PDB file of N, CA and C in Angstrom:
ATOM      1  N   MET A   1       9.402 126.748 115.903  1.00  0.00           N
ATOM      2  CA  MET A   1       8.833 127.374 114.498  1.00  0.00           C
ATOM      3  C   MET A   1       9.684 127.856 114.831  1.00  0.00           C
ATOM      4  N   LYS A   2      10.829 128.647 115.200  1.00  0.00           N
ATOM      5  CA  LYS A   2      11.528 130.500 114.932  1.00  0.00           C
ATOM      6  C   LYS A   2      12.778 129.919 114.431  1.00  0.00           C
ATOM      7  N   THR A   3      12.988 128.460 115.020  1.00  0.00           N
ATOM      8  CA  THR A   3      13.803 128.771 113.903  1.00  0.00           C
ATOM      9  C   THR A   3      14.193 127.733 112.718  1.00  0.00           C
ATOM     10  N   SER A   4      12.646 127.447 112.699  1.00  0.00           N
ATOM     11  CA  SER A   4      12.413 126.714 110.232  1.00  0.00           C
ATOM     12  C   SER A   4      12.411 128.387 110.021  1.00  0.00           C
ATOM     13  N   VAL A   5      11.985 128.835 111.062  1.00  0.00           N
ATOM     14  CA  VAL A   5      11.647 131.214 109.752  1.00  0.00           C
ATOM     15  C   VAL A   5      12.942 131.258 109.713  1.00  0.00           C
ATOM     16  N   ASN A   6      13.641 130.736 110.775  1.00  0.00           N
ATOM     17  CA  ASN A   6      15.548 131.672 110.262  1.00  0.00           C
ATOM     18  C   ASN A   6      16.278 130.804 110.015  1.00  0.00           C
ATOM     19  N   LEU A   7      16.258 128.996 109.913  1.00  0.00           N
ATOM     20  CA  LEU A   7      17.090 128.852 108.955  1.00  0.00           C
ATOM     21  C   LEU A   7      16.768 129.395 106.917  1.00  0.00           C
ATOM     22  N   PHE A   8      14.572 129.031 107.494  1.00  0.00           N
ATOM     23  CA  PHE A   8      14.529 129.445 106.047  1.00  0.00           C
ATOM     24  C   PHE A   8      14.966 131.081 105.028  1.00  0.00           C
ATOM     25  N   PHE A   9      14.857 131.410 106.366  1.00  0.00           N
ATOM     26  CA  PHE A   9      15.935 132.958 105.391  1.00  0.00           C
ATOM     27  C   PHE A   9      17.489 133.188 106.466  1.00  0.00           C
ATOM     28  N   GLN A  10      18.126 132.387 106.026  1.00  0.00           N
ATOM     29  CA  GLN A  10      19.585 131.966 106.460  1.00  0.00           C
ATOM     30  C   GLN A  10      19.408 130.970 104.872  1.00  0.00           C
ATOM     31  N   ILE A  11      18.418 130.336 104.363  1.00  0.00           N
ATOM     32  CA  ILE A  11      19.092 130.104 103.454  1.00  0.00           C
ATOM     33  C   ILE A  11      19.004 130.247 102.359  1.00  0.00           C
ATOM     34  N   MET A  12      18.232 131.187 101.622  1.00  0.00           N
ATOM     35  CA  MET A  12      17.548 132.685 101.183  1.00  0.00           C
ATOM     36  C   MET A  12      18.300 133.263 101.064  1.00  0.00           C
ATOM     37  N   LYS A  13      19.507 133.917 102.504  1.00  0.00           N
ATOM     38  CA  LYS A  13      20.465 135.091 101.769  1.00  0.00           C
ATOM     39  C   LYS A  13      21.125 134.098 101.307  1.00  0.00           C
ATOM     40  N   VAL A  14      21.904 133.125 101.192  1.00  0.00           N
ATOM     41  CA  VAL A  14      22.432 132.333 100.550  1.00  0.00           C
ATOM     42  C   VAL A  14      22.827 132.140  99.490  1.00  0.00           C
ATOM     43  N   LEU A  15      21.529 131.594  99.063  1.00  0.00           N
ATOM     44  CA  LEU A  15      20.360 131.759  97.966  1.00  0.00           C
ATOM     45  C   LEU A  15      20.564 132.570  96.536  1.00  0.00           C
ATOM     46  N   LEU A  16      20.756 133.875  97.087  1.00  0.00           N
ATOM     47  CA  LEU A  16      19.957 135.064  96.714  1.00  0.00           C
ATOM     48  C   LEU A  16      21.808 135.326  96.795  1.00  0.00           C
ATOM     49  N   LEU A  17      23.325 135.598  97.878  1.00  0.00           N
ATOM     50  CA  LEU A  17      24.707 135.578  97.690  1.00  0.00           C
ATOM     51  C   LEU A  17      24.695 134.858  96.257  1.00  0.00           C
ATOM     52  N   PHE A  18      24.706 133.859  96.140  1.00  0.00           N
ATOM     53  CA  PHE A  18      24.804 133.149  95.067  1.00  0.00           C
ATOM     54  C   PHE A  18      24.504 133.494  93.717  1.00  0.00           C
ATOM     55  N   VAL A  19      23.485 134.288  93.896  1.00  0.00           N
ATOM     56  CA  VAL A  19      22.558 134.278  92.264  1.00  0.00           C
ATOM     57  C   VAL A  19      23.081 135.537  91.440  1.00  0.00           C
ATOM     58  N   CYS A  20      23.636 136.321  93.144  1.00  0.00           N
ATOM     59  CA  CYS A  20      23.889 137.200  92.582  1.00  0.00           C
ATOM     60  C   CYS A  20      26.024 137.661  92.186  1.00  0.00           C
ATOM     61  N   PHE A  21      26.095 137.193  92.559  1.00  0.00           N
ATOM     62  CA  PHE A  21      27.836 136.381  92.349  1.00  0.00           C
ATOM     63  C   PHE A  21      27.499 135.452  90.925  1.00  0.00           C
ATOM     64  N   THR A  22      26.605 134.779  90.598  1.00  0.00           N
ATOM     65  CA  THR A  22      26.676 133.964  89.697  1.00  0.00           C
ATOM     66  C   THR A  22      26.679 134.895  88.109  1.00  0.00           C
ATOM     67  N   VAL A  23      25.127 135.871  88.594  1.00  0.00           N
ATOM     68  CA  VAL A  23      25.012 136.885  87.475  1.00  0.00           C
ATOM     69  C   VAL A  23      26.449 137.947  87.535  1.00  0.00           C
ATOM     70  N   LEU A  24      27.082 138.129  88.503  1.00  0.00           N
ATOM     71  CA  LEU A  24      28.724 139.172  88.144  1.00  0.00           C
ATOM     72  C   LEU A  24      29.081 139.035  87.651  1.00  0.00           C
ATOM     73  N   PHE A  25      29.322 137.831  88.186  1.00  0.00           N
ATOM     74  CA  PHE A  25      30.980 136.553  87.370  1.00  0.00           C
ATOM     75  C   PHE A  25      29.980 136.427  85.067  1.00  0.00           C
ATOM     76  N   TYR A  26      28.611 136.599  85.560  1.00  0.00           N
ATOM     77  CA  TYR A  26      28.015 136.037  84.060  1.00  0.00           C
ATOM     78  C   TYR A  26      28.474 137.767  83.200  1.00  0.00           C
ATOM     79  N   LEU A  27      28.150 138.808  83.615  1.00  0.00           N
ATOM     80  CA  LEU A  27      28.123 140.030  83.816  1.00  0.00           C
ATOM     81  C   LEU A  27      29.891 140.427  82.987  1.00  0.00           C
ATOM     82  N   GLY A  28      30.303 139.400  84.212  1.00  0.00           N
ATOM     83  CA  GLY A  28      31.850 139.452  83.309  1.00  0.00           C
ATOM     84  C   GLY A  28      32.576 139.245  82.506  1.00  0.00           C
ATOM     85  N   MET A  29      32.024 138.281  81.876  1.00  0.00           N
ATOM     86  CA  MET A  29      32.474 137.512  81.181  1.00  0.00           C
ATOM     87  C   MET A  29      31.605 137.525  80.346  1.00  0.00           C
ATOM     88  N   VAL A  30      30.985 137.792  79.764  1.00  0.00           N
ATOM     89  CA  VAL A  30      30.118 139.203  78.850  1.00  0.00           C
ATOM     90  C   VAL A  30      30.523 140.076  78.157  1.00  0.00           C
ATOM     91  N   TRP A  31      30.822 140.784  79.638  1.00  0.00           N
ATOM     92  CA  TRP A  31      31.916 141.956  78.734  1.00  0.00           C
ATOM     93  C   TRP A  31      33.420 141.635  78.599  1.00  0.00           C
ATOM     94  N   LEU A  32      34.175 140.406  78.993  1.00  0.00           N
ATOM     95  CA  LEU A  32      34.693 140.058  78.497  1.00  0.00           C
ATOM     96  C   LEU A  32      35.694 140.040  77.247  1.00  0.00           C
ATOM     97  N   ASN A  33      33.836 139.239  76.040  1.00  0.00           N
ATOM     98  CA  ASN A  33      33.652 138.973  75.154  1.00  0.00           C
ATOM     99  C   ASN A  33      34.139 139.789  74.835  1.00  0.00           C
ATOM    100  N   GLN A  34      33.255 141.544  75.012  1.00  0.00           N
ATOM    101  CA  GLN A  34      32.751 141.602  73.936  1.00  0.00           C
ATOM    102  C   GLN A  34      34.152 142.362  73.670  1.00  0.00           C
ATOM    103  N   GLU A  35      35.138 143.243  74.937  1.00  0.00           N
ATOM    104  CA  GLU A  35      36.208 143.952  74.920  1.00  0.00           C
ATOM    105  C   GLU A  35      37.073 142.786  73.893  1.00  0.00           C
ATOM    106  N   TYR A  36      37.214 141.515  73.657  1.00  0.00           N
ATOM    107  CA  TYR A  36      37.973 141.107  73.095  1.00  0.00           C
ATOM    108  C   TYR A  36      37.025 140.190  71.432  1.00  0.00           C
ATOM    109  N   GLU A  37      36.171 140.784  70.661  1.00  0.00           N
ATOM    110  CA  GLU A  37      35.832 140.335  69.668  1.00  0.00           C
ATOM    111  C   GLU A  37      36.375 140.954  69.200  1.00  0.00           C
ATOM    112  N   GLY A  38      36.588 141.078  68.821  1.00  0.00           N
ATOM    113  CA  GLY A  38      36.916 142.541  67.741  1.00  0.00           C
ATOM    114  C   GLY A  38      38.813 142.374  67.564  1.00  0.00           C
ATOM    115  N   TYR A  39      39.739 141.519  68.119  1.00  0.00           N
ATOM    116  CA  TYR A  39      40.930 141.195  68.797  1.00  0.00           C
ATOM    117  C   TYR A  39      41.591 140.932  67.805  1.00  0.00           C
ATOM    118  N   GLN A  40      42.367 141.425  66.952  1.00  0.00           N
ATOM    119  CA  GLN A  40      43.034 140.955  65.955  1.00  0.00           C
ATOM    120  C   GLN A  40      44.178 140.084  66.055  1.00  0.00           C
ATOM    121  N   ARG A  41      43.836 138.517  66.419  1.00  0.00           N
ATOM    122  CA  ARG A  41      45.770 138.055  66.479  1.00  0.00           C
ATOM    123  C   ARG A  41      46.771 137.608  65.533  1.00  0.00           C
ATOM    124  N   TYR A  42      46.177 137.326  64.643  1.00  0.00           N
ATOM    125  CA  TYR A  42      46.933 136.765  63.269  1.00  0.00           C
ATOM    126  C   TYR A  42      47.291 138.063  62.849  1.00  0.00           C
ATOM    127  N   SER A  43      47.275 139.409  62.992  1.00  0.00           N
ATOM    128  CA  SER A  43      47.202 140.731  61.046  1.00  0.00           C
ATOM    129  C   SER A  43      49.209 140.353  61.160  1.00  0.00           C
ATOM    130  N   GLU A  44      49.160 141.583  60.612  1.00  0.00           N
ATOM    131  CA  GLU A  44      50.563 141.393  60.339  1.00  0.00           C
ATOM    132  C   GLU A  44      51.377 142.422  60.905  1.00  0.00           C
ATOM    133  N   PRO A  45      52.770 141.772  61.479  1.00  0.00           N
ATOM    134  CA  PRO A  45      53.225 142.313  62.681  1.00  0.00           C
ATOM    135  C   PRO A  45      53.465 143.905  61.537  1.00  0.00           C
ATOM    136  N   LYS A  46      54.077 144.282  62.151  1.00  0.00           N
ATOM    137  CA  LYS A  46      54.151 146.078  62.022  1.00  0.00           C
ATOM    138  C   LYS A  46      55.301 146.382  62.967  1.00  0.00           C
ATOM    139  N   GLY A  47      56.209 147.158  61.989  1.00  0.00           N
ATOM    140  CA  GLY A  47      57.704 147.565  62.394  1.00  0.00           C
ATOM    141  C   GLY A  47      58.867 146.617  61.141  1.00  0.00           C
ATOM    142  N   ALA A  48      60.308 145.873  62.381  1.00  0.00           N
ATOM    143  CA  ALA A  48      60.786 145.428  61.131  1.00  0.00           C
ATOM    144  C   ALA A  48      60.885 144.150  61.288  1.00  0.00           C
ATOM    145  N   ALA A  49      59.456 143.772  61.610  1.00  0.00           N
ATOM    146  CA  ALA A  49      59.769 142.085  61.793  1.00  0.00           C
ATOM    147  C   ALA A  49      60.344 141.248  60.683  1.00  0.00           C
ATOM    148  N   ILE A  50      60.788 140.286  60.111  1.00  0.00           N
ATOM    149  CA  ILE A  50      61.104 139.723  59.148  1.00  0.00           C
ATOM    150  C   ILE A  50      60.551 138.076  58.878  1.00  0.00           C
ATOM    151  N   LYS A  51      60.375 137.793  57.955  1.00  0.00           N
ATOM    152  CA  LYS A  51      59.940 136.372  57.953  1.00  0.00           C
ATOM    153  C   LYS A  51      60.909 134.976  57.999  1.00  0.00           C
ATOM    154  N   VAL A  52      60.476 134.109  58.892  1.00  0.00           N
ATOM    155  CA  VAL A  52      62.523 133.533  59.727  1.00  0.00           C
ATOM    156  C   VAL A  52      61.686 132.523  58.523  1.00  0.00           C
ATOM    157  N   MET A  53      61.017 131.963  58.308  1.00  0.00           N
ATOM    158  CA  MET A  53      61.376 130.274  57.073  1.00  0.00           C
ATOM    159  C   MET A  53      59.894 130.344  56.413  1.00  0.00           C
ATOM    160  N   LYS A  54      60.574 129.628  55.176  1.00  0.00           N
ATOM    161  CA  LYS A  54      59.600 129.484  53.719  1.00  0.00           C
ATOM    162  C   LYS A  54      58.999 128.085  53.995  1.00  0.00           C
ATOM    163  N   ALA A  55      57.801 127.255  54.609  1.00  0.00           N
ATOM    164  CA  ALA A  55      57.051 126.412  54.473  1.00  0.00           C
ATOM    165  C   ALA A  55      57.617 125.580  52.990  1.00  0.00           C
ATOM    166  N   GLY A  56      58.068 125.438  52.344  1.00  0.00           N
ATOM    167  CA  GLY A  56      57.661 124.463  51.255  1.00  0.00           C
ATOM    168  C   GLY A  56      58.192 125.115  50.273  1.00  0.00           C
ATOM    169  N   ASP A  57      59.612 125.403  50.088  1.00  0.00           N
ATOM    170  CA  ASP A  57      59.694 125.972  48.689  1.00  0.00           C
ATOM    171  C   ASP A  57      61.362 125.239  49.527  1.00  0.00           C
ATOM    172  N   SER A  58      61.978 124.034  50.421  1.00  0.00           N
ATOM    173  CA  SER A  58      62.907 123.855  49.353  1.00  0.00           C
ATOM    174  C   SER A  58      62.213 122.636  49.476  1.00  0.00           C
ATOM    175  N   GLU A  59      63.411 121.927  47.638  1.00  0.00           N
ATOM    176  CA  GLU A  59      62.581 120.875  47.371  1.00  0.00           C
ATOM    177  C   GLU A  59      63.443 119.374  47.486  1.00  0.00           C
ATOM    178  N   GLU A  60      64.642 120.068  48.160  1.00  0.00           N
ATOM    179  CA  GLU A  60      65.041 118.603  49.159  1.00  0.00           C
ATOM    180  C   GLU A  60      64.929 118.228  50.477  1.00  0.00           C
ATOM    181  N   GLU A  61      63.789 119.497  51.324  1.00  0.00           N
ATOM    182  CA  GLU A  61      62.675 118.561  52.026  1.00  0.00           C
ATOM    183  C   GLU A  61      61.946 118.401  51.976  1.00  0.00           C
ATOM    184  N   THR A  62      62.064 116.927  52.478  1.00  0.00           N
ATOM    185  CA  THR A  62      60.835 116.236  51.969  1.00  0.00           C
ATOM    186  C   THR A  62      59.560 116.168  53.341  1.00  0.00           C
ATOM    187  N   TRP A  63      58.541 115.194  53.979  1.00  0.00           N
ATOM    188  CA  TRP A  63      58.186 115.147  55.099  1.00  0.00           C
ATOM    189  C   TRP A  63      58.506 113.792  55.690  1.00  0.00           C
ATOM    190  N   LEU A  64      59.459 113.537  55.008  1.00  0.00           N
ATOM    191  CA  LEU A  64      60.720 112.440  56.435  1.00  0.00           C
ATOM    192  C   LEU A  64      61.253 113.364  57.343  1.00  0.00           C
ATOM    193  N   SER A  65      61.633 115.003  56.580  1.00  0.00           N
ATOM    194  CA  SER A  65      63.488 115.061  57.325  1.00  0.00           C
ATOM    195  C   SER A  65      61.473 116.009  57.744  1.00  0.00           C
ATOM    196  N   ARG A  66      60.599 116.177  57.846  1.00  0.00           N
ATOM    197  CA  ARG A  66      60.812 117.359  58.498  1.00  0.00           C
ATOM    198  C   ARG A  66      60.062 116.757  59.878  1.00  0.00           C
ATOM    199  N   LEU A  67      59.527 115.228  59.629  1.00  0.00           N
ATOM    200  CA  LEU A  67      59.033 114.413  60.551  1.00  0.00           C
ATOM    201  C   LEU A  67      60.190 113.808  62.104  1.00  0.00           C
ATOM    202  N   MET A  68      61.243 113.441  61.200  1.00  0.00           N
ATOM    203  CA  MET A  68      63.126 113.717  62.121  1.00  0.00           C
ATOM    204  C   MET A  68      62.917 114.624  62.851  1.00  0.00           C
ATOM    205  N   LEU A  69      62.962 116.627  62.314  1.00  0.00           N
ATOM    206  CA  LEU A  69      62.744 117.322  62.235  1.00  0.00           C
ATOM    207  C   LEU A  69      62.166 117.299  63.755  1.00  0.00           C
ATOM    208  N   LEU A  70      60.751 116.754  64.272  1.00  0.00           N
ATOM    209  CA  LEU A  70      60.246 117.284  64.708  1.00  0.00           C
ATOM    210  C   LEU A  70      60.354 116.512  65.880  1.00  0.00           C
ATOM    211  N   TYR A  71      60.936 115.336  66.197  1.00  0.00           N
ATOM    212  CA  TYR A  71      61.258 114.519  66.519  1.00  0.00           C
ATOM    213  C   TYR A  71      62.637 115.259  67.720  1.00  0.00           C
ATOM    214  N   LEU A  72      64.011 114.933  66.672  1.00  0.00           N
ATOM    215  CA  LEU A  72      65.468 115.086  67.185  1.00  0.00           C
ATOM    216  C   LEU A  72      64.622 117.259  68.379  1.00  0.00           C
ATOM    217  N   ASP A  73      63.782 117.791  67.752  1.00  0.00           N
ATOM    218  CA  ASP A  73      63.509 118.590  67.650  1.00  0.00           C
ATOM    219  C   ASP A  73      62.325 119.285  68.771  1.00  0.00           C
ATOM    220  N   GLY A  74      62.020 118.261  69.100  1.00  0.00           N
ATOM    221  CA  GLY A  74      60.277 118.557  69.881  1.00  0.00           C
ATOM    222  C   GLY A  74      59.694 119.969  69.916  1.00  0.00           C
ATOM    223  N   GLU A  75      59.344 120.437  68.508  1.00  0.00           N
ATOM    224  CA  GLU A  75      59.229 121.535  68.207  1.00  0.00           C
ATOM    225  C   GLU A  75      58.378 121.423  66.260  1.00  0.00           C
TER     226      GLU A  75
END
């Protein structure tokens, strides 16, 4: 009888720890989501940044040449 009660309390301690850490993890994820919610990933760069390439301005550049460039460079 005493061992079953002791086992029950051990299981309840583990379950309580699991629930506490799960809630703590969830609150951490919610905090991170709120922290980065307004983060602008694609905003205009500041400073002396220049545009490297204008896509589609060259008339002699076809989809086949772009595909070959992809195969050759891997980018």
